[in-house]
Amino acid sequence: MKKFKTTMLLVLLLLAPIFTYAQDMYVIQEDIVKLSKVKEYEALVKEFVTLTKKHNLQDVSWITLSTNTSHYLYISPIKNMAALDEESYGAKLAAKAGKDVVSNLYKRADQYTETELSYIVHLDKELTYMPNGFTQTPAGKNFRKQHLLYVSPENRAIVKEKMKAVKALFERKGSKEYYRVYRSGFGTVGDYYLVAIAAVDELDYARQSKENDALLGEEGKKVLGDLFSSLLKYEVVLGNIRPEFSYSPK
């Protein structure tokens, strides 16, 4: 967990009580970890979490997602862009645990990471499909398959309408494969929608996807085909929610 930039509040994406804001805006700190240092990095993250719990920091909450490419995403909700100017997590922790202690942790983190990214995404509830009530953390489902749908400026409106058509089909068919949609925001590389689907594990996801494909049938192939034909680029990222690296105040 490299230094949390003073211009970025903190981090989160799916566990524990979630603060809900009207804007549904999240700031993400993404650490790209050296493959040879994953074990050391994860041990250090546990130290950060343990220290944060010990001092029961308030106004700080995050959920951690690690990917199959050793990227670690810490996702936190923010009220608005002005919140980025508030006191950082590092400063809050240093005030409680001591500047030297926290500084040493960050120096060690520098040895394990290649680079860090900070950016904002927005939850799009209009496009999200969760008919039984919205949650970012379906119980028992920590596996995540994330579909990144990149959009060119000229096709933004077209892609949005086609994503509405996909949701309408899922609703009409009564699909059991639920998903959350996030839009790229300030600091992201490219313009995209991120579609996050939860499952118990990769095998459970494959079963769930197969059943959904059968349910949607030929109509599903057509609607999804229309959507993909309008995209600039498509990527898939596999990951897991890491409750042991996440934090929510008591």
C-alpha atoms as a PDB file:
ATOM      1  CA  MET A   1       0.000   0.000   0.000  1.00  0.00           C
ATOM      2  CA  LYS A   2       2.144   2.849  -1.183  1.00  0.00           C
ATOM      3  CA  LYS A   3       1.609   6.362   0.136  1.00  0.00           C
ATOM      4  CA  PHE A   4      -2.012   7.423  -0.051  1.00  0.00           C
ATOM      5  CA  LYS A   5      -1.696  10.689  -1.908  1.00  0.00           C
ATOM      6  CA  THR A   6      -2.750  13.752   0.025  1.00  0.00           C
ATOM      7  CA  THR A   7      -5.048  14.622  -2.868  1.00  0.00           C
ATOM      8  CA  MET A   8      -6.824  11.263  -2.621  1.00  0.00           C
ATOM      9  CA  LEU A   9      -8.818  10.378   0.480  1.00  0.00           C
ATOM     10  CA  LEU A  10      -8.414   6.610   0.849  1.00  0.00           C
ATOM     11  CA  VAL A  11      -9.839   3.374  -0.507  1.00  0.00           C
ATOM     12  CA  LEU A  12     -12.656   0.563  -0.701  1.00  0.00           C
ATOM     13  CA  LEU A  13     -14.868  -1.786  -3.123  1.00  0.00           C
ATOM     14  CA  LEU A  14     -16.962  -4.447  -1.419  1.00  0.00           C
ATOM     15  CA  LEU A  15     -17.427  -5.660   2.261  1.00  0.00           C
ATOM     16  CA  ALA A  16     -18.640  -4.475   5.668  1.00  0.00           C
ATOM     17  CA  PRO A  17     -21.073  -1.574   6.174  1.00  0.00           C
ATOM     18  CA  ILE A  18     -20.968   0.734   3.187  1.00  0.00           C
ATOM     19  CA  PHE A  19     -21.444   4.490   3.450  1.00  0.00           C
ATOM     20  CA  THR A  20     -24.046   5.535   0.890  1.00  0.00           C
ATOM     21  CA  TYR A  21     -23.807   8.904  -0.788  1.00  0.00           C
ATOM     22  CA  ALA A  22     -26.122  10.398  -3.356  1.00  0.00           C
ATOM     23  CA  GLN A  23     -23.300  10.770  -5.859  1.00  0.00           C
ATOM     24  CA  ASP A  24     -22.194   7.094  -5.579  1.00  0.00           C
ATOM     25  CA  MET A  25     -18.615   8.194  -6.143  1.00  0.00           C
ATOM     26  CA  TYR A  26     -15.580   6.092  -5.208  1.00  0.00           C
ATOM     27  CA  VAL A  27     -11.895   6.862  -5.085  1.00  0.00           C
ATOM     28  CA  ILE A  28      -9.582   3.977  -5.868  1.00  0.00           C
ATOM     29  CA  GLN A  29      -5.956   3.554  -4.877  1.00  0.00           C
ATOM     30  CA  GLU A  30      -4.450   0.859  -7.088  1.00  0.00           C
ATOM     31  CA  ASP A  31      -1.049  -0.579  -6.226  1.00  0.00           C
ATOM     32  CA  ILE A  32       0.758  -2.628  -8.858  1.00  0.00           C
ATOM     33  CA  VAL A  33       2.887  -5.027  -6.837  1.00  0.00           C
ATOM     34  CA  LYS A  34       6.118  -6.694  -7.928  1.00  0.00           C
ATOM     35  CA  LEU A  35       5.397 -10.388  -8.524  1.00  0.00           C
ATOM     36  CA  SER A  36       8.409 -11.359  -6.438  1.00  0.00           C
ATOM     37  CA  LYS A  37       7.186  -9.262  -3.492  1.00  0.00           C
ATOM     38  CA  VAL A  38       3.508 -10.232  -3.192  1.00  0.00           C
ATOM     39  CA  LYS A  39       4.031 -12.189   0.043  1.00  0.00           C
ATOM     40  CA  GLU A  40       5.916  -9.315   1.698  1.00  0.00           C
ATOM     41  CA  TYR A  41       3.400  -6.765   0.417  1.00  0.00           C
ATOM     42  CA  GLU A  42       0.416  -8.650   1.806  1.00  0.00           C
ATOM     43  CA  ALA A  43       2.126  -9.007   5.186  1.00  0.00           C
ATOM     44  CA  LEU A  44       2.649  -5.244   5.207  1.00  0.00           C
ATOM     45  CA  VAL A  45      -0.979  -4.548   4.325  1.00  0.00           C
ATOM     46  CA  LYS A  46      -1.999  -6.640   7.334  1.00  0.00           C
ATOM     47  CA  GLU A  47       0.200  -4.398   9.490  1.00  0.00           C
ATOM     48  CA  PHE A  48      -1.605  -1.328   8.147  1.00  0.00           C
ATOM     49  CA  VAL A  49      -5.003  -2.896   8.828  1.00  0.00           C
ATOM     50  CA  THR A  50      -4.010  -4.064  12.319  1.00  0.00           C
ATOM     51  CA  LEU A  51      -2.698  -0.613  13.213  1.00  0.00           C
ATOM     52  CA  THR A  52      -5.826   1.062  11.822  1.00  0.00           C
ATOM     53  CA  LYS A  53      -8.074  -1.247  13.836  1.00  0.00           C
ATOM     54  CA  LYS A  54      -6.008  -0.709  16.967  1.00  0.00           C
ATOM     55  CA  HIS A  55      -6.607   3.037  16.802  1.00  0.00           C
ATOM     56  CA  ASN A  56     -10.169   2.629  15.468  1.00  0.00           C
ATOM     57  CA  LEU A  57      -9.846   5.373  12.863  1.00  0.00           C
ATOM     58  CA  GLN A  58     -13.160   7.017  12.056  1.00  0.00           C
ATOM     59  CA  ASP A  59     -14.321   8.460   8.702  1.00  0.00           C
ATOM     60  CA  VAL A  60     -12.132   5.846   7.041  1.00  0.00           C
ATOM     61  CA  SER A  61     -13.419   2.716   5.326  1.00  0.00           C
ATOM     62  CA  TRP A  62     -12.269   0.601   2.449  1.00  0.00           C
ATOM     63  CA  ILE A  63     -12.713  -2.714   0.712  1.00  0.00           C
ATOM     64  CA  THR A  64      -9.803  -4.423  -0.994  1.00  0.00           C
ATOM     65  CA  LEU A  65      -9.789  -6.262  -4.299  1.00  0.00           C
ATOM     66  CA  SER A  66      -6.722  -8.138  -5.536  1.00  0.00           C
ATOM     67  CA  THR A  67      -6.496  -9.239  -9.164  1.00  0.00           C
ATOM     68  CA  ASN A  68      -4.835 -12.201 -10.839  1.00  0.00           C
ATOM     69  CA  THR A  69      -2.164  -9.796 -12.129  1.00  0.00           C
ATOM     70  CA  SER A  70      -1.003  -8.672  -8.640  1.00  0.00           C
ATOM     71  CA  HIS A  71      -2.902  -5.383  -8.704  1.00  0.00           C
ATOM     72  CA  TYR A  72      -4.385  -4.379  -5.340  1.00  0.00           C
ATOM     73  CA  LEU A  73      -7.344  -1.982  -5.408  1.00  0.00           C
ATOM     74  CA  TYR A  74      -8.488  -0.151  -2.288  1.00  0.00           C
ATOM     75  CA  ILE A  75     -11.860   1.466  -2.895  1.00  0.00           C
ATOM     76  CA  SER A  76     -13.526   4.090  -0.693  1.00  0.00           C
ATOM     77  CA  PRO A  77     -16.702   6.171  -1.067  1.00  0.00           C
ATOM     78  CA  ILE A  78     -16.422   9.960  -1.165  1.00  0.00           C
ATOM     79  CA  LYS A  79     -19.137  12.601  -0.905  1.00  0.00           C
ATOM     80  CA  ASN A  80     -17.825  14.824  -3.681  1.00  0.00           C
ATOM     81  CA  MET A  81     -14.628  16.057  -5.313  1.00  0.00           C
ATOM     82  CA  ALA A  82     -14.044  18.492  -2.445  1.00  0.00           C
ATOM     83  CA  ALA A  83     -13.517  15.480  -0.167  1.00  0.00           C
ATOM     84  CA  LEU A  84     -10.195  14.872  -1.915  1.00  0.00           C
ATOM     85  CA  ASP A  85      -8.778  17.870  -0.068  1.00  0.00           C
ATOM     86  CA  GLU A  86      -9.600  16.437   3.353  1.00  0.00           C
ATOM     87  CA  GLU A  87      -6.936  14.994   5.640  1.00  0.00           C
ATOM     88  CA  SER A  88      -5.498  11.798   4.158  1.00  0.00           C
ATOM     89  CA  TYR A  89      -5.613   8.338   5.690  1.00  0.00           C
ATOM     90  CA  GLY A  90      -1.857   8.427   6.226  1.00  0.00           C
ATOM     91  CA  ALA A  91      -2.056  11.683   8.152  1.00  0.00           C
ATOM     92  CA  LYS A  92      -4.914  10.380  10.308  1.00  0.00           C
ATOM     93  CA  LEU A  93      -3.024   7.187  11.084  1.00  0.00           C
ATOM     94  CA  ALA A  94       0.199   9.069  11.852  1.00  0.00           C
ATOM     95  CA  ALA A  95      -1.650  11.318  14.294  1.00  0.00           C
ATOM     96  CA  LYS A  96      -2.741   8.243  16.245  1.00  0.00           C
ATOM     97  CA  ALA A  97       0.136   5.788  15.793  1.00  0.00           C
ATOM     98  CA  GLY A  98       3.055   8.177  15.434  1.00  0.00           C
ATOM     99  CA  LYS A  99       4.674   9.778  12.401  1.00  0.00           C
ATOM    100  CA  ASP A 100       7.825   7.638  12.526  1.00  0.00           C
ATOM    101  CA  VAL A 101       5.866   4.386  12.741  1.00  0.00           C
ATOM    102  CA  VAL A 102       3.681   5.191   9.731  1.00  0.00           C
ATOM    103  CA  SER A 103       6.566   6.658   7.722  1.00  0.00           C
ATOM    104  CA  ASN A 104       8.509   3.419   8.184  1.00  0.00           C
ATOM    105  CA  LEU A 105       5.576   1.377   6.902  1.00  0.00           C
ATOM    106  CA  TYR A 106       5.356   3.510   3.764  1.00  0.00           C
ATOM    107  CA  LYS A 107       9.101   3.245   3.149  1.00  0.00           C
ATOM    108  CA  ARG A 108       8.834  -0.531   3.286  1.00  0.00           C
ATOM    109  CA  ALA A 109       5.859  -0.410   0.900  1.00  0.00           C
ATOM    110  CA  ASP A 110       8.000   1.436  -1.646  1.00  0.00           C
ATOM    111  CA  GLN A 111      10.177  -1.666  -1.944  1.00  0.00           C
ATOM    112  CA  TYR A 112       7.304  -3.924  -2.968  1.00  0.00           C
ATOM    113  CA  THR A 113       5.383  -1.906  -5.558  1.00  0.00           C
ATOM    114  CA  GLU A 114       6.074  -0.996  -9.162  1.00  0.00           C
ATOM    115  CA  THR A 115       3.743   1.984  -9.247  1.00  0.00           C
ATOM    116  CA  GLU A 116       0.493   3.337  -7.824  1.00  0.00           C
ATOM    117  CA  LEU A 117      -2.585   4.785  -9.496  1.00  0.00           C
ATOM    118  CA  SER A 118      -5.340   6.967  -8.046  1.00  0.00           C
ATOM    119  CA  TYR A 119      -8.643   7.617  -9.802  1.00  0.00           C
ATOM    120  CA  ILE A 120     -12.397   7.947  -9.384  1.00  0.00           C
ATOM    121  CA  VAL A 121     -15.283   5.779 -10.598  1.00  0.00           C
ATOM    122  CA  HIS A 122     -19.047   6.345 -10.341  1.00  0.00           C
ATOM    123  CA  LEU A 123     -21.643   3.704  -9.603  1.00  0.00           C
ATOM    124  CA  ASP A 124     -24.353   3.763 -12.293  1.00  0.00           C
ATOM    125  CA  LYS A 125     -27.502   2.428 -10.640  1.00  0.00           C
ATOM    126  CA  GLU A 126     -29.541   3.068 -13.788  1.00  0.00           C
ATOM    127  CA  LEU A 127     -27.534   0.407 -15.624  1.00  0.00           C
ATOM    128  CA  THR A 128     -26.899  -1.875 -12.639  1.00  0.00           C
ATOM    129  CA  TYR A 129     -28.964  -5.068 -12.465  1.00  0.00           C
ATOM    130  CA  MET A 130     -29.698  -6.156  -8.873  1.00  0.00           C
ATOM    131  CA  PRO A 131     -33.459  -6.818  -8.628  1.00  0.00           C
ATOM    132  CA  ASN A 132     -33.357  -8.074  -5.026  1.00  0.00           C
ATOM    133  CA  GLY A 133     -31.774  -4.922  -3.647  1.00  0.00           C
ATOM    134  CA  PHE A 134     -28.429  -3.269  -4.189  1.00  0.00           C
ATOM    135  CA  THR A 135     -25.306  -4.540  -2.440  1.00  0.00           C
ATOM    136  CA  GLN A 136     -21.631  -4.446  -3.352  1.00  0.00           C
ATOM    137  CA  THR A 137     -20.887  -7.488  -1.223  1.00  0.00           C
ATOM    138  CA  PRO A 138     -23.164 -10.441  -1.939  1.00  0.00           C
ATOM    139  CA  ALA A 139     -22.799 -12.869   0.968  1.00  0.00           C
ATOM    140  CA  GLY A 140     -20.295 -15.643   0.340  1.00  0.00           C
ATOM    141  CA  LYS A 141     -19.345 -14.343  -3.090  1.00  0.00           C
ATOM    142  CA  ASN A 142     -15.847 -12.849  -2.992  1.00  0.00           C
ATOM    143  CA  PHE A 143     -14.812 -13.816  -6.528  1.00  0.00           C
ATOM    144  CA  ARG A 144     -15.141 -11.035  -9.086  1.00  0.00           C
ATOM    145  CA  LYS A 145     -15.136 -11.063 -12.862  1.00  0.00           C
ATOM    146  CA  GLN A 146     -14.877  -7.503 -14.139  1.00  0.00           C
ATOM    147  CA  HIS A 147     -15.755  -6.667 -17.717  1.00  0.00           C
ATOM    148  CA  LEU A 148     -14.244  -3.404 -18.943  1.00  0.00           C
ATOM    149  CA  LEU A 149     -16.201  -1.938 -21.842  1.00  0.00           C
ATOM    150  CA  TYR A 150     -14.185   0.878 -23.426  1.00  0.00           C
ATOM    151  CA  VAL A 151     -16.141   3.538 -25.268  1.00  0.00           C
ATOM    152  CA  SER A 152     -15.128   6.132 -27.854  1.00  0.00           C
ATOM    153  CA  PRO A 153     -16.477   9.692 -27.324  1.00  0.00           C
ATOM    154  CA  GLU A 154     -18.701   9.471 -30.389  1.00  0.00           C
ATOM    155  CA  ASN A 155     -20.353   6.246 -29.186  1.00  0.00           C
ATOM    156  CA  ARG A 156     -21.097   7.146 -25.549  1.00  0.00           C
ATOM    157  CA  ALA A 157     -24.849   7.627 -26.061  1.00  0.00           C
ATOM    158  CA  ILE A 158     -25.148   4.561 -28.292  1.00  0.00           C
ATOM    159  CA  VAL A 159     -23.350   2.268 -25.826  1.00  0.00           C
ATOM    160  CA  LYS A 160     -25.465   3.506 -22.936  1.00  0.00           C
ATOM    161  CA  GLU A 161     -28.691   2.735 -24.803  1.00  0.00           C
ATOM    162  CA  LYS A 162     -27.438  -0.735 -25.668  1.00  0.00           C
ATOM    163  CA  MET A 163     -26.503  -1.365 -22.046  1.00  0.00           C
ATOM    164  CA  LYS A 164     -30.044  -0.360 -21.104  1.00  0.00           C
ATOM    165  CA  ALA A 165     -31.275  -2.958 -23.590  1.00  0.00           C
ATOM    166  CA  VAL A 166     -29.118  -5.619 -21.902  1.00  0.00           C
ATOM    167  CA  LYS A 167     -30.548  -4.761 -18.495  1.00  0.00           C
ATOM    168  CA  ALA A 168     -34.086  -4.813 -19.882  1.00  0.00           C
ATOM    169  CA  LEU A 169     -33.495  -8.301 -21.271  1.00  0.00           C
ATOM    170  CA  PHE A 170     -32.099  -9.555 -17.942  1.00  0.00           C
ATOM    171  CA  GLU A 171     -35.179  -8.136 -16.198  1.00  0.00           C
ATOM    172  CA  ARG A 172     -37.617  -9.630 -18.670  1.00  0.00           C
ATOM    173  CA  LYS A 173     -35.994 -13.070 -18.471  1.00  0.00           C
ATOM    174  CA  GLY A 174     -35.601 -12.959 -14.693  1.00  0.00           C
ATOM    175  CA  SER A 175     -31.848 -13.567 -14.835  1.00  0.00           C
ATOM    176  CA  LYS A 176     -30.114 -14.738 -11.652  1.00  0.00           C
ATOM    177  CA  GLU A 177     -26.776 -13.298 -12.762  1.00  0.00           C
ATOM    178  CA  TYR A 178     -26.646  -9.901 -11.079  1.00  0.00           C
ATOM    179  CA  TYR A 179     -24.127  -7.176 -11.869  1.00  0.00           C
ATOM    180  CA  ARG A 180     -23.024  -3.696 -10.868  1.00  0.00           C
ATOM    181  CA  VAL A 181     -21.969  -1.052 -13.390  1.00  0.00           C
ATOM    182  CA  TYR A 182     -19.367   1.663 -12.724  1.00  0.00           C
ATOM    183  CA  ARG A 183     -18.430   4.530 -15.030  1.00  0.00           C
ATOM    184  CA  SER A 184     -14.876   5.794 -15.384  1.00  0.00           C
ATOM    185  CA  GLY A 185     -14.177   9.200 -13.885  1.00  0.00           C
ATOM    186  CA  PHE A 186     -11.386  11.622 -13.036  1.00  0.00           C
ATOM    187  CA  GLY A 187      -7.931  10.095 -13.408  1.00  0.00           C
ATOM    188  CA  THR A 188      -8.918   6.925 -15.255  1.00  0.00           C
ATOM    189  CA  VAL A 189      -7.126   5.791 -18.389  1.00  0.00           C
ATOM    190  CA  GLY A 190      -9.771   5.827 -21.078  1.00  0.00           C
ATOM    191  CA  ASP A 191     -13.553   6.095 -21.064  1.00  0.00           C
ATOM    192  CA  TYR A 192     -15.182   2.858 -19.955  1.00  0.00           C
ATOM    193  CA  TYR A 193     -17.929   1.026 -18.097  1.00  0.00           C
ATOM    194  CA  LEU A 194     -16.851  -1.583 -15.566  1.00  0.00           C
ATOM    195  CA  VAL A 195     -19.349  -4.408 -15.124  1.00  0.00           C
ATOM    196  CA  ALA A 196     -18.635  -6.350 -11.913  1.00  0.00           C
ATOM    197  CA  ILE A 197     -20.141  -9.812 -11.429  1.00  0.00           C
ATOM    198  CA  ALA A 198     -19.790 -11.716  -8.146  1.00  0.00           C
ATOM    199  CA  ALA A 199     -19.560 -15.476  -7.593  1.00  0.00           C
ATOM    200  CA  VAL A 200     -18.256 -17.906  -4.970  1.00  0.00           C
ATOM    201  CA  ASP A 201     -15.251 -18.768  -7.121  1.00  0.00           C
ATOM    202  CA  GLU A 202     -14.254 -19.101 -10.761  1.00  0.00           C
ATOM    203  CA  LEU A 203     -16.015 -22.479 -11.112  1.00  0.00           C
ATOM    204  CA  ASP A 204     -19.227 -21.039  -9.655  1.00  0.00           C
ATOM    205  CA  TYR A 205     -18.980 -18.114 -12.067  1.00  0.00           C
ATOM    206  CA  ALA A 206     -18.655 -20.501 -15.039  1.00  0.00           C
ATOM    207  CA  ARG A 207     -21.791 -22.401 -13.906  1.00  0.00           C
ATOM    208  CA  GLN A 208     -23.696 -19.159 -13.329  1.00  0.00           C
ATOM    209  CA  SER A 209     -22.680 -17.774 -16.720  1.00  0.00           C
ATOM    210  CA  LYS A 210     -23.601 -20.965 -18.546  1.00  0.00           C
ATOM    211  CA  GLU A 211     -27.064 -21.019 -16.971  1.00  0.00           C
ATOM    212  CA  ASN A 212     -27.557 -17.352 -17.838  1.00  0.00           C
ATOM    213  CA  ASP A 213     -26.542 -17.907 -21.461  1.00  0.00           C
ATOM    214  CA  ALA A 214     -29.108 -20.698 -21.729  1.00  0.00           C
ATOM    215  CA  LEU A 215     -31.780 -18.480 -20.171  1.00  0.00           C
ATOM    216  CA  LEU A 216     -31.140 -15.528 -22.505  1.00  0.00           C
ATOM    217  CA  GLY A 217     -30.857 -17.756 -25.571  1.00  0.00           C
ATOM    218  CA  GLU A 218     -30.544 -16.352 -29.083  1.00  0.00           C
ATOM    219  CA  GLU A 219     -32.039 -13.042 -28.017  1.00  0.00           C
ATOM    220  CA  GLY A 220     -29.239 -12.662 -25.487  1.00  0.00           C
ATOM    221  CA  LYS A 221     -26.599 -13.317 -28.134  1.00  0.00           C
ATOM    222  CA  LYS A 222     -28.125 -10.648 -30.355  1.00  0.00           C
ATOM    223  CA  VAL A 223     -28.488  -7.971 -27.654  1.00  0.00           C
ATOM    224  CA  LEU A 224     -24.994  -8.558 -26.284  1.00  0.00           C
ATOM    225  CA  GLY A 225     -23.604  -8.754 -29.813  1.00  0.00           C
ATOM    226  CA  ASP A 226     -25.108  -5.343 -30.602  1.00  0.00           C
ATOM    227  CA  LEU A 227     -23.456  -3.909 -27.496  1.00  0.00           C
ATOM    228  CA  PHE A 228     -20.032  -5.356 -28.215  1.00  0.00           C
ATOM    229  CA  SER A 229     -20.136  -4.188 -31.827  1.00  0.00           C
ATOM    230  CA  SER A 230     -20.229  -0.599 -30.548  1.00  0.00           C
ATOM    231  CA  LEU A 231     -17.277  -0.871 -28.159  1.00  0.00           C
ATOM    232  CA  LEU A 232     -13.826   0.564 -28.703  1.00  0.00           C
ATOM    233  CA  LYS A 233     -12.124  -2.188 -26.715  1.00  0.00           C
ATOM    234  CA  TYR A 234     -12.982  -4.974 -24.279  1.00  0.00           C
ATOM    235  CA  GLU A 235     -10.979  -6.404 -21.379  1.00  0.00           C
ATOM    236  CA  VAL A 236     -11.590  -8.886 -18.555  1.00  0.00           C
ATOM    237  CA  VAL A 237     -10.024  -8.713 -15.095  1.00  0.00           C
ATOM    238  CA  LEU A 238     -10.359 -11.519 -12.541  1.00  0.00           C
ATOM    239  CA  GLY A 239     -10.036 -10.822  -8.853  1.00  0.00           C
ATOM    240  CA  ASN A 240     -11.117 -11.546  -5.299  1.00  0.00           C
ATOM    241  CA  ILE A 241     -12.425  -9.390  -2.493  1.00  0.00           C
ATOM    242  CA  ARG A 242      -9.997  -9.589   0.428  1.00  0.00           C
ATOM    243  CA  PRO A 243     -11.877  -9.083   3.713  1.00  0.00           C
ATOM    244  CA  GLU A 244      -8.660  -9.483   5.703  1.00  0.00           C
ATOM    245  CA  PHE A 245      -7.238  -6.394   3.958  1.00  0.00           C
ATOM    246  CA  SER A 246     -10.415  -4.319   4.295  1.00  0.00           C
ATOM    247  CA  TYR A 247     -11.443  -1.947   7.058  1.00  0.00           C
ATOM    248  CA  SER A 248     -14.559  -0.394   8.540  1.00  0.00           C
ATOM    249  CA  PRO A 249     -14.582   1.506  11.865  1.00  0.00           C
ATOM    250  CA  LYS A 250     -16.385   0.114  14.888  1.00  0.00           C
END
